[in-house]
Amino acid sequence: NFFIYQHSETSIRFVVMLNNPNMP
């Protein structure tokens, strides 16, 4: 369960990074 949560968080951050390439 914890692993799935980490994976989801990483995926969301990855998508956010792609949508906001100017974010640090």
Protein backbone atom coordinates (compact mmCIF):
# COMPACT_ATOMS: atom_id res chain seq x y z
CA ASN A 1 0.00 0.00 0.00
CA PHE A 2 2.78 2.43 0.91
CA PHE A 3 4.62 1.50 -2.28
CA ILE A 4 1.52 2.19 -4.37
CA TYR A 5 1.13 5.57 -2.67
CA GLN A 6 4.74 6.49 -3.45
CA HIS A 7 4.34 5.41 -7.05
CA SER A 8 1.18 7.49 -7.43
CA GLU A 9 2.85 10.53 -5.91
CA THR A 10 5.84 10.15 -8.24
CA SER A 11 3.58 9.77 -11.25
CA ILE A 12 1.64 12.90 -10.34
CA ARG A 13 4.85 14.87 -9.86
CA PHE A 14 6.13 13.61 -13.19
CA VAL A 15 2.97 14.76 -14.98
CA VAL A 16 3.13 18.11 -13.21
CA MET A 17 6.74 18.49 -14.30
CA LEU A 18 5.79 17.78 -17.91
CA ASN A 19 2.93 20.26 -17.74
CA ASN A 20 5.09 22.88 -16.01
CA PRO A 21 8.61 22.64 -17.47
CA ASN A 22 9.45 26.03 -15.92
CA MET A 23 8.83 24.81 -12.39
CA PRO A 24 12.01 24.24 -10.33
